[in-house]
Amino acid sequence: MRLLFTAAVTVFLAACATAPEGATPPVDAAPIEVELQGHRGCRGLLPENTWPAFQHAMDLGVTALEMDVVLSADSQLIVSHEPWINADICAWPDSTTQDPPRYNIHTMTAAQVSGFACGTFAFERFPEQRQVATFKPVFNDVLDSVVAYSTQYALDLPGINVEIKSRPAWEPHFQPAPEVYVDAFLRKLDAAAYSGRVTVQSFDPRILIALHAKRPELELVYLTENPLDSPDKAVETLGFTPAVYSPAFQWVTARTRGACTRLGMELVVWTVNAPEDMEKLVALGVDGIITDYPNRFVAFANEDGITIR
C-alpha cells in the first residue's frame, strides 16, 4: 500500500530539485481525507442491515452508515436490501419453498417482519461474518438507536446514507408507485428529525426525481452500476444535479473524477473490499468509499496517513 506514499515522495523530491538554491522546499501535499461508509453496516463482519452491524460499524469509526429500506404493509420503513425475506440471511418457517412473494415484506406488518430470525447461520459469500441472533429493524428505530449509542459512548454522530429500494418491475406487488413511496419515506424521515447528515440514494431515477420535486434541499445520490453511465448522463436523466454521483467502483476513471468536480458533485464509490482497490481509488481522488469491511479501510488509512472524515 505504498502507492500514495511513493507518489507524495516523488512530488516532494521533484520540487526540491527545481527549487532555487537556498529556498525552503514546499511542505508535502495537503492530507488526504476520505469519507468511509459501512455498507449495510459492515456486511463482511456481521449480518447486513441489522443493528449489530450498524453498532460495530460505529465502533470502527465510519463516517456514515449505508442502509436500504423497503415499505411494509403498515407503511413502516423496514431496513432490508430486498422487499422480501431473503433466505440467505433470514430463516424461513418453510425451508422447502424459494418463492419470494410468499414472504413479501410489502404485504407484511413490521411486527411480522421482526419475527423472522436473521443472522444465525453462516453466509458463504462472507466467511468473516460473525453469526448473531437478530432481525430486520424499522428504519426509525435504527436512527433512534444510533443517536442513543452515540450519546452513551461519546461518538460522533454518523451520517446516514439510505437507499430507497425501487424497481419498476416490483410494482405493485413489492412496492407502491414512486410518488406514494416517496411520501411514505418523507413522513418517516420527518418524524425522525435526525440531526446528522442524511443522504438519500436510489438506482431508480423516478425516486430521485420525486424526492427532488418535493424536497429540493435533500442531498440526493445517483446510484449506478452501468459502465456506460457518467456524471453528465446522471444530470441529463434527472434534470438536476444530485449531491453525489455513486457508481460501482470498477467503472471509475480519472474522467469520472474530473466530471464530478466540474459539475460540483461528490464522488462516492461502491462496494470496495480489497485494500489494493481502496488504494487506487483514494489515489484517484474519490470523496468516499463504501465497503463491507470498514476495518480494512481503517487499517489502510492508518498505514498511509489518510484521514477518515
C-alpha atoms as a PDB file:
ATOM      1  CA  MET A   1       0.000   0.000   0.000  1.00  0.00           C
ATOM      2  CA  ARG A   2       2.845   2.363  -0.733  1.00  0.00           C
ATOM      3  CA  LEU A   3       1.453   3.906  -3.951  1.00  0.00           C
ATOM      4  CA  LEU A   4       0.202   7.085  -2.258  1.00  0.00           C
ATOM      5  CA  PHE A   5       3.316   7.453  -0.138  1.00  0.00           C
ATOM      6  CA  THR A   6       5.615   6.898  -3.114  1.00  0.00           C
ATOM      7  CA  ALA A   7       3.727   9.436  -5.230  1.00  0.00           C
ATOM      8  CA  ALA A   8       3.973  12.041  -2.483  1.00  0.00           C
ATOM      9  CA  VAL A   9       7.708  11.466  -2.060  1.00  0.00           C
ATOM     10  CA  THR A  10       8.248  11.745  -5.827  1.00  0.00           C
ATOM     11  CA  VAL A  11       6.478  15.109  -5.946  1.00  0.00           C
ATOM     12  CA  PHE A  12       8.438  16.329  -2.925  1.00  0.00           C
ATOM     13  CA  LEU A  13      11.827  15.333  -4.377  1.00  0.00           C
ATOM     14  CA  ALA A  14      10.983  16.870  -7.742  1.00  0.00           C
ATOM     15  CA  ALA A  15      10.079  20.135  -6.035  1.00  0.00           C
ATOM     16  CA  CYS A  16      13.351  20.095  -4.107  1.00  0.00           C
ATOM     17  CA  ALA A  17      15.327  19.528  -7.312  1.00  0.00           C
ATOM     18  CA  THR A  18      13.766  22.500  -9.092  1.00  0.00           C
ATOM     19  CA  ALA A  19      13.672  24.968  -6.185  1.00  0.00           C
ATOM     20  CA  PRO A  20      16.118  27.917  -6.255  1.00  0.00           C
ATOM     21  CA  GLU A  21      19.270  27.448  -4.184  1.00  0.00           C
ATOM     22  CA  GLY A  22      18.624  28.366  -0.569  1.00  0.00           C
ATOM     23  CA  ALA A  23      14.835  28.236  -0.956  1.00  0.00           C
ATOM     24  CA  THR A  24      12.776  26.232   1.528  1.00  0.00           C
ATOM     25  CA  PRO A  25      11.284  23.157  -0.130  1.00  0.00           C
ATOM     26  CA  PRO A  26       7.478  23.162  -0.135  1.00  0.00           C
ATOM     27  CA  VAL A  27       5.648  21.208   2.501  1.00  0.00           C
ATOM     28  CA  ASP A  28       4.157  17.907   1.339  1.00  0.00           C
ATOM     29  CA  ALA A  29       0.671  17.918  -0.190  1.00  0.00           C
ATOM     30  CA  ALA A  30      -2.375  18.501   1.997  1.00  0.00           C
ATOM     31  CA  PRO A  31      -3.583  15.462   3.956  1.00  0.00           C
ATOM     32  CA  ILE A  32      -5.905  13.140   2.072  1.00  0.00           C
ATOM     33  CA  GLU A  33      -9.413  12.971   3.544  1.00  0.00           C
ATOM     34  CA  VAL A  34     -11.915  10.289   2.572  1.00  0.00           C
ATOM     35  CA  GLU A  35     -15.429   9.551   3.756  1.00  0.00           C
ATOM     36  CA  LEU A  36     -15.856   5.948   4.954  1.00  0.00           C
ATOM     37  CA  GLN A  37     -19.295   4.356   4.650  1.00  0.00           C
ATOM     38  CA  GLY A  38     -20.136   0.988   6.142  1.00  0.00           C
ATOM     39  CA  HIS A  39     -22.088  -0.949   3.502  1.00  0.00           C
ATOM     40  CA  ARG A  40     -25.285  -2.290   5.082  1.00  0.00           C
ATOM     41  CA  GLY A  41     -23.483  -1.607   8.345  1.00  0.00           C
ATOM     42  CA  CYS A  42     -20.479  -3.884   7.908  1.00  0.00           C
ATOM     43  CA  ARG A  43     -21.786  -6.823   5.887  1.00  0.00           C
ATOM     44  CA  GLY A  44     -18.438  -8.580   5.769  1.00  0.00           C
ATOM     45  CA  LEU A  45     -18.303  -8.765   9.563  1.00  0.00           C
ATOM     46  CA  LEU A  46     -21.899  -9.008  10.820  1.00  0.00           C
ATOM     47  CA  PRO A  47     -25.329  -9.711   9.271  1.00  0.00           C
ATOM     48  CA  GLU A  48     -26.290  -6.948   6.863  1.00  0.00           C
ATOM     49  CA  ASN A  49     -28.755  -4.179   7.611  1.00  0.00           C
ATOM     50  CA  THR A  50     -29.085  -5.134  11.277  1.00  0.00           C
ATOM     51  CA  TRP A  51     -28.417  -3.216  14.470  1.00  0.00           C
ATOM     52  CA  PRO A  52     -25.351  -5.335  15.427  1.00  0.00           C
ATOM     53  CA  ALA A  53     -23.768  -4.445  12.063  1.00  0.00           C
ATOM     54  CA  PHE A  54     -24.528  -0.737  12.444  1.00  0.00           C
ATOM     55  CA  GLN A  55     -23.262  -0.676  16.022  1.00  0.00           C
ATOM     56  CA  HIS A  56     -19.994  -2.371  15.089  1.00  0.00           C
ATOM     57  CA  ALA A  57     -19.506  -0.030  12.128  1.00  0.00           C
ATOM     58  CA  MET A  58     -19.862   2.910  14.501  1.00  0.00           C
ATOM     59  CA  ASP A  59     -17.300   1.332  16.833  1.00  0.00           C
ATOM     60  CA  LEU A  60     -14.912   1.084  13.866  1.00  0.00           C
ATOM     61  CA  GLY A  61     -15.289   4.813  13.205  1.00  0.00           C
ATOM     62  CA  VAL A  62     -17.214   5.022   9.940  1.00  0.00           C
ATOM     63  CA  THR A  63     -18.265   8.422   8.655  1.00  0.00           C
ATOM     64  CA  ALA A  64     -21.681   7.156   7.598  1.00  0.00           C
ATOM     65  CA  LEU A  65     -23.910   4.116   7.819  1.00  0.00           C
ATOM     66  CA  GLU A  66     -25.188   2.922   4.452  1.00  0.00           C
ATOM     67  CA  MET A  67     -28.508   1.061   4.582  1.00  0.00           C
ATOM     68  CA  ASP A  68     -31.510   0.055   2.458  1.00  0.00           C
ATOM     69  CA  VAL A  69     -35.223   0.480   3.114  1.00  0.00           C
ATOM     70  CA  VAL A  70     -38.418  -1.058   1.782  1.00  0.00           C
ATOM     71  CA  LEU A  71     -42.031  -0.401   2.699  1.00  0.00           C
ATOM     72  CA  SER A  72     -44.172  -2.711   4.839  1.00  0.00           C
ATOM     73  CA  ALA A  73     -47.947  -3.171   4.677  1.00  0.00           C
ATOM     74  CA  ASP A  74     -48.382  -0.830   7.656  1.00  0.00           C
ATOM     75  CA  SER A  75     -46.248   1.889   5.995  1.00  0.00           C
ATOM     76  CA  GLN A  76     -43.141   1.300   8.091  1.00  0.00           C
ATOM     77  CA  LEU A  77     -39.715   1.547   6.512  1.00  0.00           C
ATOM     78  CA  ILE A  78     -38.020  -1.810   7.009  1.00  0.00           C
ATOM     79  CA  VAL A  79     -34.239  -1.884   6.773  1.00  0.00           C
ATOM     80  CA  SER A  80     -33.783  -4.565   4.120  1.00  0.00           C
ATOM     81  CA  HIS A  81     -31.982  -4.927   0.810  1.00  0.00           C
ATOM     82  CA  GLU A  82     -34.873  -6.859  -0.778  1.00  0.00           C
ATOM     83  CA  PRO A  83     -38.618  -6.256  -0.400  1.00  0.00           C
ATOM     84  CA  TRP A  84     -38.929  -9.867   0.715  1.00  0.00           C
ATOM     85  CA  ILE A  85     -37.354 -12.085   3.359  1.00  0.00           C
ATOM     86  CA  ASN A  86     -34.099 -13.298   1.847  1.00  0.00           C
ATOM     87  CA  ALA A  87     -33.473 -16.946   2.720  1.00  0.00           C
ATOM     88  CA  ASP A  88     -29.710 -16.363   2.514  1.00  0.00           C
ATOM     89  CA  ILE A  89     -29.956 -14.088   5.533  1.00  0.00           C
ATOM     90  CA  CYS A  90     -33.109 -14.963   7.486  1.00  0.00           C
ATOM     91  CA  ALA A  91     -34.694 -18.294   8.386  1.00  0.00           C
ATOM     92  CA  TRP A  92     -37.986 -19.093   6.667  1.00  0.00           C
ATOM     93  CA  PRO A  93     -40.607 -21.138   8.533  1.00  0.00           C
ATOM     94  CA  ASP A  94     -40.889 -23.385   5.477  1.00  0.00           C
ATOM     95  CA  SER A  95     -37.409 -24.185   4.228  1.00  0.00           C
ATOM     96  CA  THR A  96     -38.710 -26.082   1.204  1.00  0.00           C
ATOM     97  CA  THR A  97     -40.009 -23.009  -0.642  1.00  0.00           C
ATOM     98  CA  GLN A  98     -37.955 -20.440  -2.517  1.00  0.00           C
ATOM     99  CA  ASP A  99     -40.865 -18.257  -3.570  1.00  0.00           C
ATOM    100  CA  PRO A 100     -40.156 -14.604  -2.570  1.00  0.00           C
ATOM    101  CA  PRO A 101     -43.800 -13.437  -2.843  1.00  0.00           C
ATOM    102  CA  ARG A 102     -44.661 -15.829  -0.027  1.00  0.00           C
ATOM    103  CA  TYR A 103     -42.642 -13.629   2.339  1.00  0.00           C
ATOM    104  CA  ASN A 104     -43.226 -10.296   0.634  1.00  0.00           C
ATOM    105  CA  ILE A 105     -42.456  -7.501   3.119  1.00  0.00           C
ATOM    106  CA  HIS A 106     -44.857  -5.153   1.341  1.00  0.00           C
ATOM    107  CA  THR A 107     -47.719  -7.466   2.389  1.00  0.00           C
ATOM    108  CA  MET A 108     -46.481  -7.905   5.978  1.00  0.00           C
ATOM    109  CA  THR A 109     -46.551  -5.656   9.035  1.00  0.00           C
ATOM    110  CA  ALA A 110     -43.358  -4.531  10.714  1.00  0.00           C
ATOM    111  CA  ALA A 111     -44.176  -6.798  13.647  1.00  0.00           C
ATOM    112  CA  GLN A 112     -44.482  -9.789  11.323  1.00  0.00           C
ATOM    113  CA  VAL A 113     -41.165  -8.958   9.654  1.00  0.00           C
ATOM    114  CA  SER A 114     -39.385  -8.708  13.009  1.00  0.00           C
ATOM    115  CA  GLY A 115     -40.485 -12.261  13.794  1.00  0.00           C
ATOM    116  CA  PHE A 116     -38.056 -13.724  11.252  1.00  0.00           C
ATOM    117  CA  ALA A 117     -34.761 -14.822  12.774  1.00  0.00           C
ATOM    118  CA  CYS A 118     -31.824 -13.359  10.847  1.00  0.00           C
ATOM    119  CA  GLY A 119     -28.082 -13.767  11.082  1.00  0.00           C
ATOM    120  CA  THR A 120     -27.939 -17.110  12.843  1.00  0.00           C
ATOM    121  CA  PHE A 121     -26.304 -19.153  10.082  1.00  0.00           C
ATOM    122  CA  ALA A 122     -23.168 -18.720   8.015  1.00  0.00           C
ATOM    123  CA  PHE A 123     -23.221 -16.701   4.797  1.00  0.00           C
ATOM    124  CA  GLU A 124     -20.816 -18.333   2.345  1.00  0.00           C
ATOM    125  CA  ARG A 125     -20.040 -15.096   0.491  1.00  0.00           C
ATOM    126  CA  PHE A 126     -18.707 -13.549   3.706  1.00  0.00           C
ATOM    127  CA  PRO A 127     -16.664 -16.104   5.636  1.00  0.00           C
ATOM    128  CA  GLU A 128     -15.535 -13.494   8.186  1.00  0.00           C
ATOM    129  CA  GLN A 129     -19.130 -12.656   9.080  1.00  0.00           C
ATOM    130  CA  ARG A 130     -19.933 -13.438  12.711  1.00  0.00           C
ATOM    131  CA  GLN A 131     -23.330 -15.023  13.350  1.00  0.00           C
ATOM    132  CA  VAL A 132     -25.669 -13.327  15.804  1.00  0.00           C
ATOM    133  CA  ALA A 133     -29.360 -13.700  16.556  1.00  0.00           C
ATOM    134  CA  THR A 134     -31.054 -10.581  15.188  1.00  0.00           C
ATOM    135  CA  PHE A 135     -33.868  -9.357  12.898  1.00  0.00           C
ATOM    136  CA  LYS A 136     -34.764  -6.786  10.248  1.00  0.00           C
ATOM    137  CA  PRO A 137     -35.309  -3.485  12.099  1.00  0.00           C
ATOM    138  CA  VAL A 138     -37.520  -0.483  11.425  1.00  0.00           C
ATOM    139  CA  PHE A 139     -35.644   2.496   9.965  1.00  0.00           C
ATOM    140  CA  ASN A 140     -36.785   4.972  12.609  1.00  0.00           C
ATOM    141  CA  ASP A 141     -35.825   2.572  15.389  1.00  0.00           C
ATOM    142  CA  VAL A 142     -32.329   2.330  13.904  1.00  0.00           C
ATOM    143  CA  LEU A 143     -31.981   6.111  13.865  1.00  0.00           C
ATOM    144  CA  ASP A 144     -33.088   6.310  17.500  1.00  0.00           C
ATOM    145  CA  SER A 145     -30.562   3.619  18.418  1.00  0.00           C
ATOM    146  CA  VAL A 146     -27.773   5.406  16.547  1.00  0.00           C
ATOM    147  CA  VAL A 147     -28.438   8.615  18.477  1.00  0.00           C
ATOM    148  CA  ALA A 148     -28.630   6.796  21.817  1.00  0.00           C
ATOM    149  CA  TYR A 149     -25.456   4.789  21.170  1.00  0.00           C
ATOM    150  CA  SER A 150     -23.514   7.853  20.006  1.00  0.00           C
ATOM    151  CA  THR A 151     -24.571   9.750  23.105  1.00  0.00           C
ATOM    152  CA  GLN A 152     -23.812   6.894  25.509  1.00  0.00           C
ATOM    153  CA  TYR A 153     -20.278   6.336  24.194  1.00  0.00           C
ATOM    154  CA  ALA A 154     -19.443   9.918  23.180  1.00  0.00           C
ATOM    155  CA  LEU A 155     -19.104   9.015  19.497  1.00  0.00           C
ATOM    156  CA  ASP A 156     -19.515  11.426  16.606  1.00  0.00           C
ATOM    157  CA  LEU A 157     -22.990  11.063  15.162  1.00  0.00           C
ATOM    158  CA  PRO A 158     -22.515   9.273  11.828  1.00  0.00           C
ATOM    159  CA  GLY A 159     -24.185  10.280   8.621  1.00  0.00           C
ATOM    160  CA  ILE A 160     -26.967   8.122   7.238  1.00  0.00           C
ATOM    161  CA  ASN A 161     -26.893   7.137   3.575  1.00  0.00           C
ATOM    162  CA  VAL A 162     -30.242   5.472   2.962  1.00  0.00           C
ATOM    163  CA  GLU A 163     -31.148   3.734  -0.266  1.00  0.00           C
ATOM    164  CA  ILE A 164     -34.801   3.527  -1.249  1.00  0.00           C
ATOM    165  CA  LYS A 165     -35.030   0.156  -2.961  1.00  0.00           C
ATOM    166  CA  SER A 166     -37.167   0.521  -6.063  1.00  0.00           C
ATOM    167  CA  ARG A 167     -37.610  -1.103  -9.457  1.00  0.00           C
ATOM    168  CA  PRO A 168     -40.417  -0.640 -11.963  1.00  0.00           C
ATOM    169  CA  ALA A 169     -40.764  -4.430 -12.199  1.00  0.00           C
ATOM    170  CA  TRP A 170     -41.557  -4.594  -8.479  1.00  0.00           C
ATOM    171  CA  GLU A 171     -44.739  -2.525  -8.787  1.00  0.00           C
ATOM    172  CA  PRO A 172     -47.318  -3.034  -7.424  1.00  0.00           C
ATOM    173  CA  HIS A 173     -46.557  -6.329  -5.665  1.00  0.00           C
ATOM    174  CA  PHE A 174     -43.400  -5.391  -3.772  1.00  0.00           C
ATOM    175  CA  GLN A 175     -43.708  -1.600  -3.628  1.00  0.00           C
ATOM    176  CA  PRO A 176     -46.108   1.246  -4.387  1.00  0.00           C
ATOM    177  CA  ALA A 177     -45.738   3.796  -7.176  1.00  0.00           C
ATOM    178  CA  PRO A 178     -42.819   6.236  -6.713  1.00  0.00           C
ATOM    179  CA  GLU A 179     -44.965   9.185  -5.570  1.00  0.00           C
ATOM    180  CA  VAL A 180     -46.637   7.117  -2.851  1.00  0.00           C
ATOM    181  CA  TYR A 181     -43.332   5.534  -1.882  1.00  0.00           C
ATOM    182  CA  VAL A 182     -41.590   8.890  -1.551  1.00  0.00           C
ATOM    183  CA  ASP A 183     -44.430  10.385   0.506  1.00  0.00           C
ATOM    184  CA  ALA A 184     -44.231   7.466   2.944  1.00  0.00           C
ATOM    185  CA  PHE A 185     -40.461   7.812   3.180  1.00  0.00           C
ATOM    186  CA  LEU A 186     -40.573  11.560   3.829  1.00  0.00           C
ATOM    187  CA  ARG A 187     -43.160  11.144   6.604  1.00  0.00           C
ATOM    188  CA  LYS A 188     -40.839   8.757   8.415  1.00  0.00           C
ATOM    189  CA  LEU A 189     -37.754  10.879   7.780  1.00  0.00           C
ATOM    190  CA  ASP A 190     -39.523  13.961   9.140  1.00  0.00           C
ATOM    191  CA  ALA A 191     -40.626  12.025  12.216  1.00  0.00           C
ATOM    192  CA  ALA A 192     -37.036  11.001  12.894  1.00  0.00           C
ATOM    193  CA  ALA A 193     -35.662  14.571  12.893  1.00  0.00           C
ATOM    194  CA  TYR A 194     -32.150  13.132  12.654  1.00  0.00           C
ATOM    195  CA  SER A 195     -29.561  15.816  13.335  1.00  0.00           C
ATOM    196  CA  GLY A 196     -26.701  14.167  11.417  1.00  0.00           C
ATOM    197  CA  ARG A 197     -26.129  14.309   7.677  1.00  0.00           C
ATOM    198  CA  VAL A 198     -28.704  12.295   5.724  1.00  0.00           C
ATOM    199  CA  THR A 199     -28.298  11.459   2.053  1.00  0.00           C
ATOM    200  CA  VAL A 200     -30.889   9.530   0.070  1.00  0.00           C
ATOM    201  CA  GLN A 201     -29.896   7.309  -2.825  1.00  0.00           C
ATOM    202  CA  SER A 202     -31.578   5.080  -5.373  1.00  0.00           C
ATOM    203  CA  PHE A 203     -30.899   3.224  -8.597  1.00  0.00           C
ATOM    204  CA  ASP A 204     -34.388   4.267  -9.721  1.00  0.00           C
ATOM    205  CA  PRO A 205     -34.277   7.818 -11.179  1.00  0.00           C
ATOM    206  CA  ARG A 206     -38.049   8.135 -10.634  1.00  0.00           C
ATOM    207  CA  ILE A 207     -37.481   8.065  -6.875  1.00  0.00           C
ATOM    208  CA  LEU A 208     -34.811  10.766  -7.006  1.00  0.00           C
ATOM    209  CA  ILE A 209     -36.900  12.959  -9.298  1.00  0.00           C
ATOM    210  CA  ALA A 210     -39.914  12.676  -6.981  1.00  0.00           C
ATOM    211  CA  LEU A 211     -37.767  13.439  -3.926  1.00  0.00           C
ATOM    212  CA  HIS A 212     -36.214  16.486  -5.582  1.00  0.00           C
ATOM    213  CA  ALA A 213     -39.617  17.829  -6.584  1.00  0.00           C
ATOM    214  CA  LYS A 214     -40.906  17.569  -3.014  1.00  0.00           C
ATOM    215  CA  ARG A 215     -37.708  18.381  -1.095  1.00  0.00           C
ATOM    216  CA  PRO A 216     -35.129  20.118  -3.285  1.00  0.00           C
ATOM    217  CA  GLU A 217     -32.935  20.696  -0.224  1.00  0.00           C
ATOM    218  CA  LEU A 218     -32.359  16.957   0.280  1.00  0.00           C
ATOM    219  CA  GLU A 219     -28.911  15.646  -0.601  1.00  0.00           C
ATOM    220  CA  LEU A 220     -29.583  13.010  -3.255  1.00  0.00           C
ATOM    221  CA  VAL A 221     -27.268  10.312  -4.538  1.00  0.00           C
ATOM    222  CA  TYR A 222     -27.392   8.941  -8.076  1.00  0.00           C
ATOM    223  CA  LEU A 223     -26.549   5.235  -7.852  1.00  0.00           C
ATOM    224  CA  THR A 224     -25.448   3.391 -10.968  1.00  0.00           C
ATOM    225  CA  GLU A 225     -23.916   0.077 -11.952  1.00  0.00           C
ATOM    226  CA  ASN A 226     -23.963   0.850 -15.681  1.00  0.00           C
ATOM    227  CA  PRO A 227     -20.428   1.081 -17.137  1.00  0.00           C
ATOM    228  CA  LEU A 228     -21.769   3.411 -19.865  1.00  0.00           C
ATOM    229  CA  ASP A 229     -23.178   5.865 -17.337  1.00  0.00           C
ATOM    230  CA  SER A 230     -21.445   9.120 -16.431  1.00  0.00           C
ATOM    231  CA  PRO A 231     -21.954  12.171 -14.203  1.00  0.00           C
ATOM    232  CA  ASP A 232     -23.199  14.142 -17.217  1.00  0.00           C
ATOM    233  CA  LYS A 233     -25.736  11.440 -18.078  1.00  0.00           C
ATOM    234  CA  ALA A 234     -26.929  11.466 -14.468  1.00  0.00           C
ATOM    235  CA  VAL A 235     -27.706  15.178 -14.691  1.00  0.00           C
ATOM    236  CA  GLU A 236     -29.410  14.673 -18.057  1.00  0.00           C
ATOM    237  CA  THR A 237     -31.534  11.808 -16.717  1.00  0.00           C
ATOM    238  CA  LEU A 238     -32.610  13.588 -13.541  1.00  0.00           C
ATOM    239  CA  GLY A 239     -32.975  17.131 -14.839  1.00  0.00           C
ATOM    240  CA  PHE A 240     -30.942  18.436 -11.878  1.00  0.00           C
ATOM    241  CA  THR A 241     -27.511  17.925 -10.367  1.00  0.00           C
ATOM    242  CA  PRO A 242     -27.501  15.465  -7.468  1.00  0.00           C
ATOM    243  CA  ALA A 243     -25.203  15.992  -4.497  1.00  0.00           C
ATOM    244  CA  VAL A 244     -23.362  12.730  -5.097  1.00  0.00           C
ATOM    245  CA  TYR A 245     -22.540  10.500  -8.050  1.00  0.00           C
ATOM    246  CA  SER A 246     -22.132   6.921  -6.818  1.00  0.00           C
ATOM    247  CA  PRO A 247     -21.007   4.323  -9.372  1.00  0.00           C
ATOM    248  CA  ALA A 248     -19.717   0.775  -8.998  1.00  0.00           C
ATOM    249  CA  PHE A 249     -16.018   1.260  -8.324  1.00  0.00           C
ATOM    250  CA  GLN A 250     -14.894  -0.852 -11.301  1.00  0.00           C
ATOM    251  CA  TRP A 251     -16.034   1.826 -13.769  1.00  0.00           C
ATOM    252  CA  VAL A 252     -14.408   4.846 -12.121  1.00  0.00           C
ATOM    253  CA  THR A 253     -11.691   6.673 -14.057  1.00  0.00           C
ATOM    254  CA  ALA A 254      -9.898   9.997 -13.919  1.00  0.00           C
ATOM    255  CA  ARG A 255     -12.534  11.251 -16.352  1.00  0.00           C
ATOM    256  CA  THR A 256     -15.248  10.375 -13.809  1.00  0.00           C
ATOM    257  CA  ARG A 257     -13.395  12.325 -11.143  1.00  0.00           C
ATOM    258  CA  GLY A 258     -12.980  15.298 -13.455  1.00  0.00           C
ATOM    259  CA  ALA A 259     -16.646  15.361 -14.465  1.00  0.00           C
ATOM    260  CA  CYS A 260     -17.810  15.253 -10.842  1.00  0.00           C
ATOM    261  CA  THR A 261     -15.514  18.153  -9.981  1.00  0.00           C
ATOM    262  CA  ARG A 262     -16.749  20.162 -12.962  1.00  0.00           C
ATOM    263  CA  LEU A 263     -20.402  19.525 -12.069  1.00  0.00           C
ATOM    264  CA  GLY A 264     -19.968  20.094  -8.339  1.00  0.00           C
ATOM    265  CA  MET A 265     -20.815  16.539  -7.272  1.00  0.00           C
ATOM    266  CA  GLU A 266     -19.112  14.352  -4.713  1.00  0.00           C
ATOM    267  CA  LEU A 267     -17.794  11.015  -5.987  1.00  0.00           C
ATOM    268  CA  VAL A 268     -18.582   8.108  -3.645  1.00  0.00           C
ATOM    269  CA  VAL A 269     -17.884   4.601  -4.948  1.00  0.00           C
ATOM    270  CA  TRP A 270     -19.179   1.147  -4.009  1.00  0.00           C
ATOM    271  CA  THR A 271     -18.556  -1.638  -2.934  1.00  0.00           C
ATOM    272  CA  VAL A 272     -14.784  -1.601  -2.346  1.00  0.00           C
ATOM    273  CA  ASN A 273     -13.476  -4.502  -0.278  1.00  0.00           C
ATOM    274  CA  ALA A 274      -9.892  -5.156  -1.444  1.00  0.00           C
ATOM    275  CA  PRO A 275      -7.182  -2.902   0.087  1.00  0.00           C
ATOM    276  CA  GLU A 276      -5.431  -2.593  -3.284  1.00  0.00           C
ATOM    277  CA  ASP A 277      -8.642  -1.208  -4.819  1.00  0.00           C
ATOM    278  CA  MET A 278      -9.063   1.172  -1.896  1.00  0.00           C
ATOM    279  CA  GLU A 279      -5.566   2.488  -2.523  1.00  0.00           C
ATOM    280  CA  LYS A 280      -6.127   3.024  -6.256  1.00  0.00           C
ATOM    281  CA  LEU A 281      -9.408   4.845  -5.699  1.00  0.00           C
ATOM    282  CA  VAL A 282      -8.027   7.103  -2.994  1.00  0.00           C
ATOM    283  CA  ALA A 283      -5.137   7.953  -5.319  1.00  0.00           C
ATOM    284  CA  LEU A 284      -7.710   8.775  -7.998  1.00  0.00           C
ATOM    285  CA  GLY A 285      -9.300  11.300  -5.637  1.00  0.00           C
ATOM    286  CA  VAL A 286     -12.671   9.813  -4.708  1.00  0.00           C
ATOM    287  CA  ASP A 287     -14.544  11.603  -1.929  1.00  0.00           C
ATOM    288  CA  GLY A 288     -15.872   8.474  -0.284  1.00  0.00           C
ATOM    289  CA  ILE A 289     -15.698   4.695  -0.242  1.00  0.00           C
ATOM    290  CA  ILE A 290     -18.487   2.279   0.645  1.00  0.00           C
ATOM    291  CA  THR A 291     -17.214  -1.064   1.899  1.00  0.00           C
ATOM    292  CA  ASP A 292     -18.399  -4.295   3.508  1.00  0.00           C
ATOM    293  CA  TYR A 293     -15.205  -4.219   5.570  1.00  0.00           C
ATOM    294  CA  PRO A 294     -14.723  -0.825   7.259  1.00  0.00           C
ATOM    295  CA  ASN A 295     -11.962  -2.409   9.359  1.00  0.00           C
ATOM    296  CA  ARG A 296      -9.869  -2.934   6.218  1.00  0.00           C
ATOM    297  CA  PHE A 297     -10.166   0.688   5.186  1.00  0.00           C
ATOM    298  CA  VAL A 298      -9.320   1.866   8.716  1.00  0.00           C
ATOM    299  CA  ALA A 299      -6.165  -0.271   8.666  1.00  0.00           C
ATOM    300  CA  PHE A 300      -5.238   1.037   5.204  1.00  0.00           C
ATOM    301  CA  ALA A 301      -5.913   4.655   6.219  1.00  0.00           C
ATOM    302  CA  ASN A 302      -3.824   4.345   9.373  1.00  0.00           C
ATOM    303  CA  GLU A 303      -0.931   2.849   7.432  1.00  0.00           C
ATOM    304  CA  ASP A 304      -0.921   5.528   4.739  1.00  0.00           C
ATOM    305  CA  GLY A 305      -1.797   8.548   6.880  1.00  0.00           C
ATOM    306  CA  ILE A 306      -5.253   9.091   5.369  1.00  0.00           C
ATOM    307  CA  THR A 307      -7.826  10.976   7.408  1.00  0.00           C
ATOM    308  CA  ILE A 308     -11.322   9.478   7.658  1.00  0.00           C
ATOM    309  CA  ARG A 309     -13.658  12.441   7.653  1.00  0.00           C
END
